[in-house]
Amino acid sequence: MTAKGFTINERGQINSYAIEPKVYVEATPRLGFTGYAERLNGRLAMIGFVGLIALEVLTGHGLIGWLSSL
């Protein structure tokens, strides 16, 4: 017997432990040219591009000039 998310034992006592959710396996592949991989690559590229612009603004040199001055 259940009562709004709780189970009741044979004595009528409410079990206050949570009911476990159903376990499922996501069928969408996470490898190869998937939408997930393309979004992740795009976001990482945007972070890298903004980082390079910030480097150029802060140092006054581009990436190659900054690396050659080290």
C-alpha atoms as a PDB file:
ATOM      1  CA  MET A   1       0.000   0.000   0.000  1.00  0.00           C
ATOM      2  CA  THR A   2       1.234   3.529  -0.721  1.00  0.00           C
ATOM      3  CA  ALA A   3       0.098   6.949   0.487  1.00  0.00           C
ATOM      4  CA  LYS A   4       1.349   9.912  -1.550  1.00  0.00           C
ATOM      5  CA  GLY A   5       4.986   8.893  -1.905  1.00  0.00           C
ATOM      6  CA  PHE A   6       5.243   6.838   1.289  1.00  0.00           C
ATOM      7  CA  THR A   7       4.760   3.150   1.821  1.00  0.00           C
ATOM      8  CA  ILE A   8       2.649   1.734   4.642  1.00  0.00           C
ATOM      9  CA  ASN A   9       3.550  -1.580   6.266  1.00  0.00           C
ATOM     10  CA  GLU A  10       1.107  -4.246   7.488  1.00  0.00           C
ATOM     11  CA  ARG A  11       0.675  -2.463  10.861  1.00  0.00           C
ATOM     12  CA  GLY A  12      -0.385   0.800   9.193  1.00  0.00           C
ATOM     13  CA  GLN A  13       2.885   2.585   9.959  1.00  0.00           C
ATOM     14  CA  ILE A  14       4.173   5.024   7.357  1.00  0.00           C
ATOM     15  CA  ASN A  15       7.665   4.338   6.025  1.00  0.00           C
ATOM     16  CA  SER A  16       9.435   7.718   5.969  1.00  0.00           C
ATOM     17  CA  TYR A  17      12.217   6.541   3.656  1.00  0.00           C
ATOM     18  CA  ALA A  18      12.134   7.861   0.120  1.00  0.00           C
ATOM     19  CA  ILE A  19      10.833   5.641  -2.642  1.00  0.00           C
ATOM     20  CA  GLU A  20      13.671   4.872  -5.025  1.00  0.00           C
ATOM     21  CA  PRO A  21      13.259   6.301  -8.528  1.00  0.00           C
ATOM     22  CA  LYS A  22      13.250   4.026 -11.546  1.00  0.00           C
ATOM     23  CA  VAL A  23      16.704   3.583 -13.062  1.00  0.00           C
ATOM     24  CA  TYR A  24      17.057   4.136 -16.794  1.00  0.00           C
ATOM     25  CA  VAL A  25      19.913   4.111 -19.264  1.00  0.00           C
ATOM     26  CA  GLU A  26      20.149   6.962 -21.733  1.00  0.00           C
ATOM     27  CA  ALA A  27      20.138   5.522 -25.236  1.00  0.00           C
ATOM     28  CA  THR A  28      21.727   8.599 -26.853  1.00  0.00           C
ATOM     29  CA  PRO A  29      25.328   7.873 -27.870  1.00  0.00           C
ATOM     30  CA  ARG A  30      27.933  10.207 -26.365  1.00  0.00           C
ATOM     31  CA  LEU A  31      30.743   9.363 -28.822  1.00  0.00           C
ATOM     32  CA  GLY A  32      31.352  10.466 -32.383  1.00  0.00           C
ATOM     33  CA  PHE A  33      29.731  13.366 -34.233  1.00  0.00           C
ATOM     34  CA  THR A  34      26.703  13.845 -32.009  1.00  0.00           C
ATOM     35  CA  GLY A  35      24.919  17.047 -31.105  1.00  0.00           C
ATOM     36  CA  TYR A  36      26.390  16.851 -27.612  1.00  0.00           C
ATOM     37  CA  ALA A  37      29.958  16.633 -28.938  1.00  0.00           C
ATOM     38  CA  GLU A  38      29.422  19.510 -31.364  1.00  0.00           C
ATOM     39  CA  ARG A  39      27.993  21.755 -28.626  1.00  0.00           C
ATOM     40  CA  LEU A  40      30.865  20.892 -26.293  1.00  0.00           C
ATOM     41  CA  ASN A  41      33.486  21.586 -28.989  1.00  0.00           C
ATOM     42  CA  GLY A  42      31.817  24.876 -29.865  1.00  0.00           C
ATOM     43  CA  ARG A  43      31.708  26.020 -26.251  1.00  0.00           C
ATOM     44  CA  LEU A  44      35.358  25.126 -25.690  1.00  0.00           C
ATOM     45  CA  ALA A  45      36.328  26.973 -28.873  1.00  0.00           C
ATOM     46  CA  MET A  46      34.445  30.076 -27.688  1.00  0.00           C
ATOM     47  CA  ILE A  47      36.251  29.959 -24.329  1.00  0.00           C
ATOM     48  CA  GLY A  48      39.608  29.644 -26.104  1.00  0.00           C
ATOM     49  CA  PHE A  49      38.836  32.496 -28.494  1.00  0.00           C
ATOM     50  CA  VAL A  50      37.800  34.831 -25.661  1.00  0.00           C
ATOM     51  CA  GLY A  51      40.938  33.806 -23.759  1.00  0.00           C
ATOM     52  CA  LEU A  52      43.139  34.711 -26.739  1.00  0.00           C
ATOM     53  CA  ILE A  53      41.443  38.102 -27.072  1.00  0.00           C
ATOM     54  CA  ALA A  54      41.942  38.728 -23.334  1.00  0.00           C
ATOM     55  CA  LEU A  55      45.615  37.747 -23.660  1.00  0.00           C
ATOM     56  CA  GLU A  56      46.077  40.192 -26.525  1.00  0.00           C
ATOM     57  CA  VAL A  57      44.347  43.019 -24.643  1.00  0.00           C
ATOM     58  CA  LEU A  58      46.353  42.450 -21.461  1.00  0.00           C
ATOM     59  CA  THR A  59      49.801  41.962 -23.038  1.00  0.00           C
ATOM     60  CA  GLY A  60      49.510  44.069 -26.174  1.00  0.00           C
ATOM     61  CA  HIS A  61      50.782  41.142 -28.284  1.00  0.00           C
ATOM     62  CA  GLY A  62      49.080  38.300 -30.069  1.00  0.00           C
ATOM     63  CA  LEU A  63      49.596  34.671 -29.111  1.00  0.00           C
ATOM     64  CA  ILE A  64      52.674  34.179 -31.331  1.00  0.00           C
ATOM     65  CA  GLY A  65      54.283  37.435 -30.167  1.00  0.00           C
ATOM     66  CA  TRP A  66      53.596  36.592 -26.536  1.00  0.00           C
ATOM     67  CA  LEU A  67      55.073  33.093 -26.904  1.00  0.00           C
ATOM     68  CA  SER A  68      58.183  34.371 -28.724  1.00  0.00           C
ATOM     69  CA  SER A  69      58.851  36.981 -26.001  1.00  0.00           C
ATOM     70  CA  LEU A  70      59.094  34.309 -23.284  1.00  0.00           C
END
